Protein backbone atom coordinates (compact mmCIF):
# COMPACT_ATOMS: atom_id res chain seq x y z
CA MET A 1 28.15 37.60 -17.80
CA LYS A 2 29.57 38.81 -21.11
CA ILE A 3 27.91 38.62 -24.51
CA LYS A 4 29.82 36.25 -26.76
CA GLU A 5 29.28 34.22 -29.87
CA ALA A 6 27.65 30.86 -29.20
CA ARG A 7 30.09 27.96 -29.08
CA PRO A 8 29.81 24.13 -29.18
CA THR A 9 28.77 22.28 -26.06
CA ALA A 10 29.40 18.85 -24.61
CA GLY A 11 26.68 18.73 -22.01
CA ALA A 12 24.96 15.59 -23.21
CA THR A 13 27.88 13.40 -22.15
CA ILE A 14 28.33 15.02 -18.73
CA MET A 15 24.72 14.87 -17.56
CA LYS A 16 24.01 11.32 -18.69
CA LYS A 17 21.64 9.61 -16.29
CA ARG A 18 22.62 6.33 -14.66
CA PRO A 19 20.48 3.45 -13.28
CA THR A 20 22.92 2.76 -10.41
CA LEU A 21 20.69 3.96 -7.58
CA TYR A 22 17.60 2.16 -8.83
CA ILE A 23 19.53 -1.08 -9.07
CA ILE A 24 20.46 -0.59 -5.40
CA ILE A 25 16.86 0.36 -4.54
CA LEU A 26 15.37 -2.71 -6.19
CA SER A 27 17.97 -4.99 -4.62
CA ALA A 28 17.25 -3.60 -1.14
CA TRP A 29 13.51 -3.81 -1.79
CA LEU A 30 13.77 -7.48 -2.77
CA CYS A 31 15.63 -8.20 0.47
CA CYS A 32 12.99 -6.38 2.52
CA THR A 33 10.19 -8.13 0.64
CA ALA A 34 11.88 -11.47 1.34
CA LEU A 35 11.91 -10.56 5.05
CA LEU A 36 8.18 -9.82 4.89
CA ILE A 37 7.42 -13.09 3.10
CA TYR A 38 9.57 -15.03 5.57
CA SER A 39 7.65 -13.49 8.47
CA LEU A 40 4.34 -14.30 6.76
CA VAL A 41 5.28 -17.95 6.22
CA ARG A 42 6.55 -18.25 9.76
CA ILE A 43 3.33 -16.81 11.17
CA ALA A 44 1.11 -18.91 8.88
CA THR A 45 2.77 -22.16 9.88
CA GLY A 46 2.27 -21.33 13.54
CA LEU A 47 -1.50 -20.81 13.31
CA THR A 48 -2.54 -24.02 15.01
CA GLU A 49 -4.97 -22.73 17.65
CA TYR A 50 -7.61 -21.47 15.18
CA SER A 51 -10.27 -23.26 13.17
CA PRO A 52 -9.50 -23.95 9.49
CA VAL A 53 -11.92 -21.23 8.28
CA ARG A 54 -10.56 -18.61 10.68
CA THR A 55 -7.00 -19.64 9.81
CA ALA A 56 -7.73 -19.11 6.10
CA PHE A 57 -9.12 -15.62 6.76
CA ILE A 58 -6.14 -14.70 8.91
CA ILE A 59 -3.64 -15.87 6.31
CA ALA A 60 -5.52 -13.97 3.59
CA LEU A 61 -5.50 -10.74 5.62
CA LEU A 62 -1.84 -11.17 6.54
CA SER A 63 -1.04 -11.72 2.85
CA VAL A 64 -2.77 -8.45 1.96
CA ASN A 65 -0.83 -6.72 4.74
CA THR A 66 2.42 -8.15 3.38
CA ALA A 67 1.67 -6.99 -0.17
CA VAL A 68 0.67 -3.49 1.03
CA LEU A 69 3.78 -3.15 3.19
CA ALA A 70 5.97 -4.29 0.30
CA ILE A 71 4.51 -1.62 -2.00
CA LEU A 72 4.80 1.10 0.63
CA TRP A 73 8.35 0.07 1.44
CA LEU A 74 9.44 0.48 -2.19
CA GLY A 75 8.72 4.20 -2.00
CA SER A 76 10.36 4.47 1.42
CA ILE A 77 13.49 2.67 0.22
CA LYS A 78 13.67 5.05 -2.73
CA ASP A 79 13.44 8.09 -0.43
CA PHE A 80 16.00 6.66 1.97
CA THR A 81 18.44 5.75 -0.82
CA PHE A 82 18.16 9.15 -2.50
CA SER A 83 18.82 10.91 0.80
CA ALA A 84 21.78 8.69 1.67
CA ALA A 85 23.16 9.01 -1.88
CA TYR A 86 23.25 12.77 -1.64
CA VAL A 87 25.23 12.62 1.59
CA ILE A 88 27.78 10.33 -0.10
CA LEU A 89 27.86 11.80 -3.63
CA ARG A 90 27.27 15.52 -3.11
CA LYS A 91 30.89 16.60 -3.70
CA LYS A 92 31.11 14.54 -6.89
CA LEU A 93 27.81 15.97 -8.16
CA ASP A 94 28.89 19.52 -7.25
CA ARG A 95 31.97 19.06 -9.44
CA GLN A 96 29.81 18.00 -12.36
CA TYR A 97 27.58 21.03 -11.92
CA LYS A 98 30.62 23.33 -11.81
CA GLN A 99 31.55 22.18 -15.32
CA ILE A 100 28.44 24.00 -16.53
CA ASP A 101 29.84 27.33 -15.33
CA GLU A 102 32.17 27.56 -18.34
CA PHE A 103 29.04 28.01 -20.49
CA SER A 104 28.10 31.19 -18.61
CA TYR A 105 27.97 33.50 -21.58
CA ILE A 106 25.16 35.33 -23.35
CA PRO A 107 24.96 34.53 -27.06
CA ASP A 108 24.89 37.45 -29.49
CA PRO A 109 22.19 38.59 -30.02
CA ALA A 110 20.90 38.16 -26.47
CA PRO A 111 17.97 35.70 -26.35
CA ARG A 112 14.52 37.20 -25.80
CA PHE A 113 12.89 36.18 -22.50
CA LEU A 114 9.31 36.41 -21.29
CA LEU A 115 8.45 36.52 -17.59
CA LEU A 116 4.94 35.06 -17.50
CA TYR A 117 3.26 35.82 -14.18
CA CYS A 118 0.20 33.56 -13.81
CA THR A 119 -2.53 34.67 -11.43
CA CYS A 120 -6.13 33.83 -10.64
CA ASN A 121 -7.71 35.86 -7.84
CA ASP A 122 -4.29 36.07 -6.20
CA PHE A 123 -1.84 38.90 -6.87
CA ASN A 124 1.36 39.79 -5.03
CA ALA A 125 2.79 43.12 -6.18
CA LYS A 126 5.93 42.78 -4.07
CA ALA A 127 6.80 39.36 -5.50
CA LEU A 128 6.33 40.51 -9.09
CA SER A 129 8.39 43.66 -8.55
CA GLU A 130 11.24 41.57 -7.13
CA CYS A 131 11.07 39.17 -10.10
CA ARG A 132 11.38 42.07 -12.56
CA LYS A 133 14.72 43.24 -11.12
CA GLN A 134 16.67 41.16 -13.64
CA ASN A 135 20.29 41.94 -14.52
CA TYR A 136 19.56 41.15 -18.16
CA PRO A 137 19.03 43.39 -21.21
CA ASN A 138 16.26 41.64 -23.14
CA PHE A 139 13.12 40.52 -21.30
CA LYS A 140 9.45 41.39 -21.11
CA THR A 141 6.98 40.94 -18.23
CA VAL A 142 3.44 39.73 -18.90
CA ILE A 143 0.70 39.22 -16.31
CA LEU A 144 -1.60 36.40 -17.43
CA ASP A 145 -4.66 37.27 -15.39
CA ASP A 146 -7.41 34.68 -15.03
CA SER A 147 -9.00 36.49 -12.08
CA SER A 148 -12.78 36.65 -11.82
CA ASP A 149 -12.83 38.90 -8.75
CA PRO A 150 -13.16 42.61 -9.76
CA GLN A 151 -11.01 43.73 -6.81
CA TYR A 152 -8.04 41.63 -7.96
CA LYS A 153 -8.49 42.89 -11.51
CA LYS A 154 -8.46 46.45 -10.17
CA GLU A 155 -5.30 45.75 -8.19
CA ILE A 156 -3.55 44.34 -11.26
CA ASP A 157 -4.66 47.26 -13.43
CA ARG A 158 -3.30 49.69 -10.86
CA TYR A 159 0.04 47.87 -10.89
CA ARG A 160 0.17 48.12 -14.67
CA PHE A 161 -0.62 51.85 -14.44
CA HIS A 162 2.50 52.32 -12.28
CA HIS A 163 4.60 50.05 -14.54
CA ARG A 164 3.69 50.85 -18.14
CA ASN A 165 6.18 48.34 -19.53
CA VAL A 166 4.22 45.45 -17.98
CA GLU A 167 1.61 43.84 -20.21
CA VAL A 168 -1.67 42.41 -18.85
CA VAL A 169 -3.45 39.71 -20.83
CA ARG A 170 -6.90 38.36 -19.99
CA ARG A 171 -9.08 35.84 -21.77
CA ALA A 172 -12.83 35.48 -21.95
CA ASP A 173 -12.83 31.68 -21.78
CA ARG A 174 -10.85 30.41 -18.75
CA THR A 175 -10.78 26.75 -19.81
CA GLY A 176 -7.75 24.58 -19.21
CA TYR A 177 -6.81 26.25 -15.93
CA LYS A 178 -3.19 27.41 -15.73
CA ALA A 179 -2.17 25.40 -18.81
CA GLY A 180 -4.93 27.01 -20.86
CA ASN A 181 -3.87 30.44 -19.61
CA LEU A 182 -0.28 29.89 -20.76
CA ASN A 183 -1.31 28.36 -24.10
CA HIS A 184 -3.69 31.25 -24.79
CA TYR A 185 -0.77 33.67 -24.74
CA LEU A 186 1.97 31.51 -26.25
CA LYS A 187 0.22 29.72 -29.13
CA GLY A 188 1.44 31.04 -32.48
CA ARG A 189 3.95 33.52 -30.98
CA ALA A 190 7.50 33.74 -32.28
CA ASP A 191 8.67 36.95 -30.56
CA TYR A 192 10.58 35.15 -27.80
CA ASP A 193 13.27 32.50 -27.32
CA TYR A 194 12.51 31.41 -23.75
CA PHE A 195 9.77 31.98 -21.20
CA VAL A 196 9.83 31.80 -17.40
CA VAL A 197 6.68 30.66 -15.56
CA LEU A 198 6.05 32.54 -12.32
CA ASP A 199 3.42 31.82 -9.70
CA SER A 200 1.77 34.61 -7.72
CA ASP A 201 4.10 34.23 -4.73
CA GLU A 202 7.22 33.46 -6.74
CA ILE A 203 10.41 35.49 -6.24
CA ILE A 204 13.28 34.77 -8.60
CA PRO A 205 16.77 36.25 -8.00
CA PRO A 206 18.10 39.20 -10.07
CA ASP A 207 20.59 36.90 -11.84
CA TYR A 208 17.96 34.27 -12.71
CA ILE A 209 18.05 34.79 -16.49
CA GLU A 210 21.84 35.18 -16.55
CA LYS A 211 22.25 31.85 -14.78
CA VAL A 212 19.57 29.90 -16.61
CA ILE A 213 21.09 30.68 -20.02
CA LYS A 214 24.19 28.62 -19.27
CA TYR A 215 22.12 25.44 -18.98
CA PHE A 216 20.68 25.91 -22.47
CA ASN A 217 24.19 26.73 -23.76
CA TYR A 218 25.52 23.63 -22.07
CA ASP A 219 23.04 21.11 -23.49
CA PRO A 220 21.68 21.69 -27.01
CA LYS A 221 18.86 19.24 -26.22
CA CYS A 222 17.80 21.10 -23.08
CA GLY A 223 14.13 22.06 -23.38
CA ALA A 224 13.46 23.15 -19.80
CA VAL A 225 15.33 24.21 -16.68
CA GLN A 226 13.79 23.88 -13.23
CA ALA A 227 15.23 26.18 -10.54
CA LYS A 228 15.67 25.30 -6.89
CA HIS A 229 13.19 26.67 -4.36
CA THR A 230 13.16 27.49 -0.70
CA ALA A 231 10.25 28.63 1.43
CA GLN A 232 10.18 32.19 2.70
CA ARG A 233 10.38 32.68 6.44
CA GLY A 234 6.62 32.71 6.82
CA GLU A 235 4.20 34.79 8.82
CA ASN A 236 3.28 32.23 11.46
CA VAL A 237 4.54 29.13 13.25
CA PHE A 238 2.82 26.70 10.85
CA GLN A 239 4.47 28.26 7.79
CA ARG A 240 7.83 28.48 9.52
CA LEU A 241 7.93 24.82 10.55
CA MET A 242 6.41 23.19 7.49
CA GLY A 243 8.39 25.36 5.07
CA LEU A 244 11.63 23.63 6.11
CA CYS A 245 10.85 20.67 3.84
CA VAL A 246 10.93 22.85 0.69
CA GLY A 247 14.58 23.81 1.01
CA SER A 248 15.82 20.36 2.02
CA ASN A 249 14.01 18.62 -0.85
CA GLY A 250 15.40 21.06 -3.37
CA THR A 251 18.92 20.72 -2.00
CA THR A 252 19.06 16.91 -1.94
CA THR A 253 16.36 14.85 -3.66
CA GLN A 254 16.01 16.98 -6.80
CA VAL A 255 19.79 17.00 -7.34
CA ILE A 256 19.89 13.19 -7.14
CA LYS A 257 16.96 12.91 -9.56
CA ASN A 258 18.92 15.01 -12.04
CA PHE A 259 21.53 12.23 -12.34
CA TYR A 260 19.73 9.06 -11.23
CA GLY A 261 16.01 9.61 -11.78
CA ALA A 262 13.45 11.61 -13.73
CA ASN A 263 13.59 15.39 -13.52
CA ALA A 264 10.33 17.01 -12.51
CA LEU A 265 8.81 20.39 -13.22
CA ILE A 266 6.98 22.06 -10.34
CA GLY A 267 4.97 24.57 -12.37
CA HIS A 268 6.88 27.71 -11.40
CA GLY A 269 10.45 28.94 -11.39
CA MET A 270 10.88 26.97 -14.59
CA THR A 271 12.19 28.15 -17.96
CA ILE A 272 11.03 26.63 -21.27
CA SER A 273 12.56 27.20 -24.69
CA ARG A 274 10.33 28.12 -27.62
CA ALA A 275 11.69 25.12 -29.53
CA CYS A 276 10.57 22.86 -26.68
CA TYR A 277 7.13 24.45 -26.42
CA GLU A 278 6.53 24.10 -30.15
CA ALA A 279 7.87 20.52 -30.26
CA THR A 280 5.48 19.40 -27.53
CA GLY A 281 2.46 21.24 -28.87
CA GLY A 282 2.01 23.28 -25.71
CA PHE A 283 0.92 22.51 -22.18
CA PRO A 284 -1.58 19.66 -21.74
CA LEU A 285 -4.95 20.90 -20.48
CA VAL A 286 -4.91 19.03 -17.18
CA VAL A 287 -4.70 20.11 -13.53
CA ALA A 288 -1.16 18.73 -13.09
CA GLU A 289 0.14 20.44 -16.21
CA ASP A 290 3.72 20.60 -14.93
CA ILE A 291 4.38 16.87 -14.39
CA SER A 292 2.40 16.03 -17.54
CA PHE A 293 4.40 18.51 -19.62
CA ALA A 294 7.62 16.93 -18.33
CA VAL A 295 6.61 13.61 -19.96
CA ASP A 296 5.83 15.41 -23.24
CA ILE A 297 9.28 17.06 -23.17
CA LYS A 298 11.03 13.69 -22.86
CA ASN A 299 8.86 12.21 -25.62
CA ALA A 300 9.89 15.12 -27.84
CA GLY A 301 13.53 14.01 -27.41
CA MET A 302 14.49 16.94 -25.19
CA ASN A 303 15.93 17.15 -21.68
CA ILE A 304 15.01 18.79 -18.39
CA ILE A 305 17.85 20.02 -16.16
CA TYR A 306 17.59 20.86 -12.49
CA ALA A 307 19.50 24.03 -11.51
CA PRO A 308 20.44 24.00 -7.80
CA ASP A 309 22.44 27.24 -8.08
CA ILE A 310 19.36 29.28 -9.01
CA LEU A 311 17.57 29.85 -5.72
CA CYS A 312 13.98 31.05 -5.92
CA LYS A 313 11.63 31.78 -3.04
CA GLU A 314 8.02 30.77 -2.58
CA GLU A 315 5.47 30.81 0.21
CA PHE A 316 4.50 27.57 1.91
CA PRO A 317 0.70 27.46 2.40
CA VAL A 318 -0.15 30.00 5.07
CA SER A 319 -2.22 27.59 7.16
CA TYR A 320 -3.33 23.99 7.53
CA VAL A 321 -6.57 24.95 5.74
CA SER A 322 -4.60 26.25 2.73
CA LEU A 323 -2.38 23.17 2.69
CA LYS A 324 -5.45 20.92 2.79
CA LYS A 325 -6.86 22.65 -0.28
CA ARG A 326 -3.53 22.35 -2.11
CA GLN A 327 -3.22 18.66 -1.28
CA CYS A 328 -6.75 18.12 -2.58
CA LYS A 329 -5.76 19.78 -5.88
CA TRP A 330 -2.54 17.77 -6.10
CA THR A 331 -4.33 14.49 -5.36
CA GLN A 332 -6.93 15.20 -8.05
CA GLY A 333 -4.22 16.22 -10.48
CA ASN A 334 -2.03 13.19 -9.86
CA LEU A 335 -5.03 10.85 -10.19
CA GLU A 336 -5.91 12.48 -13.50
CA TYR A 337 -2.24 12.18 -14.48
CA MET A 338 -2.27 8.43 -13.72
CA LYS A 339 -5.35 7.91 -15.90
CA LYS A 340 -4.21 9.98 -18.87
CA TYR A 341 -0.46 9.40 -18.83
CA GLY A 342 -0.10 5.86 -17.46
CA LYS A 343 0.17 4.18 -20.87
CA GLN A 344 2.10 7.09 -22.37
CA ILE A 345 4.79 6.80 -19.69
CA GLY A 346 5.19 3.11 -20.51
CA ARG A 347 5.62 3.90 -24.23
CA SER A 348 7.81 6.96 -23.71
CA LYS A 349 11.45 7.30 -24.74
CA MET A 350 12.63 7.42 -21.15
CA SER A 351 14.82 4.71 -19.67
CA TRP A 352 13.26 2.07 -17.40
CA PHE A 353 14.50 3.67 -14.19
CA GLU A 354 13.19 7.11 -15.19
CA LYS A 355 9.76 5.59 -15.77
CA LEU A 356 9.91 3.87 -12.39
CA ASP A 357 11.00 7.10 -10.72
CA ILE A 358 8.07 9.00 -12.25
CA ARG A 359 5.59 6.41 -11.03
CA LEU A 360 7.04 6.28 -7.53
CA SER A 361 7.17 10.07 -7.29
CA HIS A 362 3.76 10.99 -8.72
CA TYR A 363 1.59 7.92 -8.16
CA SER A 364 2.29 7.91 -4.43
CA LEU A 365 0.04 10.86 -3.58
CA PRO A 366 -3.25 9.11 -4.41
CA ILE A 367 -2.04 5.53 -3.80
CA VAL A 368 -0.36 5.79 -0.38
CA PRO A 369 -3.52 6.93 1.51
CA VAL A 370 -5.51 4.09 -0.06
CA LEU A 371 -2.89 1.48 0.84
CA SER A 372 -2.56 2.88 4.36
CA PHE A 373 -6.32 2.70 4.81
CA LEU A 374 -6.32 -0.89 3.51
CA LEU A 375 -3.59 -1.72 6.02
CA THR A 376 -5.71 -0.22 8.80
CA VAL A 377 -8.80 -2.20 7.74
CA CYS A 378 -6.82 -5.46 7.66
CA THR A 379 -5.36 -4.72 11.09
CA VAL A 380 -8.79 -4.15 12.62
CA ALA A 381 -10.21 -7.24 10.88
CA LEU A 382 -7.36 -9.39 12.22
CA GLY A 383 -8.14 -8.12 15.70
CA PHE A 384 -11.79 -9.11 15.42
CA LEU A 385 -10.67 -12.59 14.28
CA GLY A 386 -8.77 -12.94 17.53
CA TYR A 387 -5.30 -12.66 16.05
CA PRO A 388 -2.80 -10.51 18.01
CA VAL A 389 -1.74 -8.17 15.23
CA ILE A 390 1.52 -7.06 16.86
CA ARG A 391 3.27 -10.32 16.09
CA TYR A 392 5.67 -9.33 13.37
CA SER A 393 9.36 -9.81 14.02
CA LEU A 394 11.49 -7.14 15.68
CA ALA A 395 13.42 -6.76 12.41
CA ILE A 396 10.28 -5.67 10.56
CA TYR A 397 9.45 -3.05 13.18
CA CYS A 398 13.02 -1.74 13.05
CA VAL A 399 12.76 -1.38 9.28
CA MET A 400 9.39 0.38 9.61
CA ILE A 401 10.78 2.88 12.13
CA LEU A 402 13.83 3.50 9.92
CA PHE A 403 11.61 4.22 6.90
CA LEU A 404 9.37 6.46 8.99
CA CYS A 405 12.36 8.58 9.98
CA SER A 406 14.09 8.51 6.58
CA PRO A 407 12.41 11.74 5.32
CA MET A 408 14.36 13.58 8.04
CA ILE A 409 17.73 12.64 6.55
CA PRO A 410 17.74 15.55 4.03
CA ASP A 411 16.62 17.94 6.77
CA LEU A 412 19.33 16.79 9.17
CA PHE A 413 21.96 17.16 6.48
CA VAL A 414 20.83 20.53 5.13
CA TYR A 415 20.19 22.19 8.51
CA ARG A 416 22.90 20.52 10.61
CA LYS A 417 24.96 23.76 10.82
CA ASP A 418 21.98 26.08 10.84
CA ARG A 419 19.99 27.47 13.72
CA ASN A 420 16.99 25.81 12.07
CA PHE A 421 18.42 22.52 13.33
CA PHE A 422 16.67 23.04 16.67
CA MET A 423 13.34 23.29 14.89
CA LEU A 424 13.64 19.84 13.31
CA LEU A 425 12.03 17.88 16.16
CA PRO A 426 8.84 20.00 16.33
CA TYR A 427 8.85 20.12 12.52
CA PHE A 428 9.06 16.32 12.33
CA ILE A 429 6.13 15.89 14.75
CA VAL A 430 3.99 18.53 13.03
CA ASN A 431 4.87 17.15 9.59
CA ILE A 432 3.81 13.58 10.43
CA ALA A 433 0.64 14.73 12.19
CA THR A 434 -0.30 17.10 9.37
CA TYR A 435 -0.08 14.61 6.54
CA ALA A 436 -1.62 11.80 8.60
CA SER A 437 -4.61 14.02 9.35
CA LEU A 438 -5.12 14.69 5.63
CA ALA A 439 -5.86 11.00 4.99
CA PRO A 440 -9.71 11.28 5.17
CA MET A 441 -9.75 14.14 2.66
CA MET A 442 -7.39 12.32 0.31
CA LEU A 443 -9.38 9.07 0.54
CA LYS A 444 -12.55 10.97 -0.33
CA THR A 445 -10.78 12.72 -3.23
CA VAL A 446 -9.45 9.42 -4.63
CA PHE A 447 -12.87 7.75 -4.29
CA LEU A 448 -14.67 10.57 -6.10
CA GLY A 449 -11.95 10.64 -8.78
CA ALA A 450 -12.26 6.89 -9.28
CA CYS A 451 -16.03 7.36 -9.66
CA GLY A 452 -15.47 9.80 -12.50
CA LYS A 453 -15.40 13.21 -10.84
CA LYS A 454 -13.40 15.60 -13.00
CA ALA A 455 -10.28 17.15 -11.51
CA VAL A 456 -10.59 20.86 -10.71
CA PHE A 457 -7.77 23.42 -10.38
CA LEU A 458 -8.12 24.81 -6.86
CA VAL A 459 -6.37 28.08 -6.04
CA THR A 460 -4.50 27.80 -2.73
CA PRO A 461 -5.69 30.56 -0.35
CA LYS A 462 -2.93 33.03 0.53
CA GLN A 463 -4.74 35.15 3.09
CA SER A 464 -3.49 34.92 6.64
CA GLN A 465 -6.16 34.78 9.33
CA LYS A 466 -6.75 33.66 12.88
CA TYR A 467 -8.99 30.69 13.50
CA SER A 468 -11.45 30.44 16.37
CA VAL A 469 -11.96 27.16 18.24
CA LYS A 470 -15.17 26.65 16.30
CA GLU A 471 -13.36 27.14 12.99
CA MET A 472 -10.58 24.77 14.04
CA PHE A 473 -13.09 21.94 14.38
CA ARG A 474 -15.01 23.07 11.33
CA TYR A 475 -11.95 22.54 9.14
CA SER A 476 -10.82 19.34 10.86
CA TRP A 477 -14.05 17.56 11.81
CA ASP A 478 -13.49 14.85 9.17
CA SER A 479 -10.05 14.05 10.62
CA VAL A 480 -11.36 13.98 14.20
CA VAL A 481 -14.33 11.74 13.31
CA PHE A 482 -12.04 9.45 11.32
CA ALA A 483 -9.63 9.20 14.26
CA VAL A 484 -12.43 8.33 16.70
CA LEU A 485 -13.89 5.67 14.39
CA VAL A 486 -10.53 4.02 13.71
CA GLY A 487 -9.48 4.27 17.37
CA VAL A 488 -12.71 2.76 18.70
CA LEU A 489 -12.66 -0.08 16.18
CA ALA A 490 -9.01 -0.84 16.91
CA PHE A 491 -9.61 -0.80 20.66
CA PHE A 492 -12.51 -3.24 20.51
CA ALA A 493 -10.77 -5.43 17.93
CA CYS A 494 -7.24 -5.47 19.32
CA GLY A 495 -7.67 -4.23 22.89
CA SER A 496 -5.35 -1.34 22.07
CA ILE A 497 -5.03 1.59 19.64
CA LEU A 498 -1.27 1.03 19.35
CA PRO A 499 -1.52 -0.61 15.88
CA VAL A 500 -3.17 2.55 14.51
CA ILE A 501 -1.57 5.12 16.82
CA PHE A 502 0.01 7.26 14.09
CA ILE A 503 -3.18 7.80 12.11
CA VAL A 504 -5.29 8.34 15.25
CA ALA A 505 -2.83 10.74 16.91
CA GLY A 506 -2.26 12.67 13.67
CA CYS A 507 -5.97 13.14 12.98
CA LEU A 508 -6.74 14.17 16.58
CA LEU A 509 -3.98 16.78 16.44
CA ALA A 510 -5.49 18.48 13.37
CA PRO A 511 -7.28 21.25 15.36
CA LEU A 512 -4.04 22.05 17.20
CA ILE A 513 -2.13 22.18 13.91
CA ILE A 514 -4.68 24.68 12.60
CA ALA A 515 -4.06 26.74 15.74
CA LEU A 516 -0.35 27.05 14.87
CA SER A 517 -1.18 29.61 12.20
CA ASN A 518 -2.67 31.84 14.92
CA PHE A 519 0.80 32.41 16.36
CA ARG A 520 2.38 35.10 14.24
CA LEU A 521 6.14 35.51 14.00
CA PRO A 522 7.94 38.82 14.54
CA GLU A 523 9.28 40.51 11.44
CA SER A 524 12.74 39.48 10.33
CA ARG A 525 15.73 41.76 10.80
CA ALA A 526 15.77 42.60 7.08
CA ALA A 527 12.10 43.58 7.17
CA ARG A 528 12.69 45.80 10.19
CA LYS A 529 15.53 47.58 8.37
CA LYS A 530 13.19 48.33 5.48
CA VAL A 531 10.62 49.71 7.87
CA LYS A 532 13.24 51.97 9.48
CA ALA A 533 14.27 53.18 6.04
CA GLY A 534 10.66 54.17 5.47
CA THR A 535 10.32 52.28 2.18
CA GLN A 536 7.23 50.68 0.77
CA ASP A 537 6.02 49.20 -2.51
CA ASP A 538 4.91 51.75 -5.08
CA ALA A 539 2.05 49.46 -6.01
CA ALA A 540 0.87 48.19 -2.65
CA PRO A 541 -2.07 45.79 -2.84
CA LEU A 542 -5.61 46.67 -1.98
CA PRO A 543 -6.97 45.83 1.48
CA LEU A 544 -8.24 42.55 0.01
CA ARG A 545 -4.92 40.88 0.80
CA ARG A 546 -2.99 40.77 4.03
CA THR A 547 -0.81 43.85 4.23
CA SER A 548 2.76 44.31 5.32
CA ARG A 549 5.64 46.76 4.94
CA ARG A 550 6.98 46.47 1.43
CA SER A 551 10.12 47.71 -0.29
CA LYS A 552 9.91 50.12 -3.16
CA ALA A 553 10.91 48.62 -6.50
CA LEU A 554 13.82 50.28 -8.31
CA PRO A 555 13.32 51.62 -11.84
CA LEU A 556 13.69 48.88 -14.43
CA PRO A 557 15.16 50.28 -17.63
CA LEU A 558 15.99 46.76 -18.87
CA ASP A 559 12.39 45.54 -18.78
CA VAL A 560 11.25 46.15 -22.35
């Protein structure tokens, strides 16, 4: 990339968002809702063998079921449409992205970049060293350390001793979580043009800054660029299987959202301009600072662009226990987001379909478990009233199965020519079971949040460990108890657990899913080559973290 004088851009006309897909989504949803209502009316008119009171209760419960299914189906139709749209439109969208390549020049003088590595009792020397290998002449690395553990502080200080051009910043008051950490460093600063937010396990490519500049050159209203992510290979079977969803989502759904929905920020691998940061007043002090900041950016009249050609790597949670903690944090954060940003989204400058996309994308985490639980309660209650709950039409069950499988469409498309294709079936089973088994925790989190419990930023554990049988049940007892209760109630009410089979099976499998992280994977071929070469990181972590062979970082004369 050559340094040139800045030149005019025409990005705003190329990347204009269109409501086409959401018109299709709403049309399909209305058709599906009409099918549900037709089935409800048909069932209600055929209830002649029950007493008037029992008939009224049955119709009321079936009406609730219909409303819940309709709401759940809206999100499923959106996911299905986005996946199908990518399959159809990907070549057209690729051509539009290629038009941005002509803006691949570095203005003179070269913009000043900050690499802000955020950490709190979690430091990965290898990841940070890889991030600092930028092919760019004007950047600075800063570790924003919110750690309270002395051993992590010692590890970070040792890294800084080996890399004197890395700055470490700590604060006495750790309020505001990650957002407060970033604001503490950035407020009032003018010695930068852009900053990149890095998480502890983040690895950005050497050409990250070179590539991200073209998006800001391309669109003068661009305030933030979100890079694509893929999960690293993983240390165990759980990480390997569940990490597949990261790459497929970044390849398909996020690209479609860039043209037909609302662009999201995921809190890392994102670049923000100083003009954007100052226009928004900084990061909001909430747990879900990334999705909240995205709304503030749009309200400031600026744009967010998704960059699929910038591939970053991250670690999927190392175990079911880690994932459970992360989902708890996300559920709390999204619930807080709904409370604080609900009205603001409605009054924002975004178009109607962007607002709808935000609500469907970020409201679903706390709402879907509640609606699913309500559906389960209604099903059991209908059974106790003597109504055979499996009486919906074949068409409805076909639609339900289609929507259940729709999340696999991106995976099938992305991995169809890859050896990972053969992992999709076990991945699909583990994925459904994993998220079904998290329902009790999420219900508890939503209930406590609704009762006023303040959201807390939970750090996802990164340590890899083996779990004993006792620990497997210790971390999944709530799922197992929930499965037994729901299964027993369904059996006595309906004479079968078939109506609740997915939730029961998923929750009962939780201990086995935990056990998947006990099966470690052999090192990759690239890792073995590094071992043979006898290389290791010059700032290897303390024994506090899991250890592995690490590659020695090259000197970084450009890191100033």
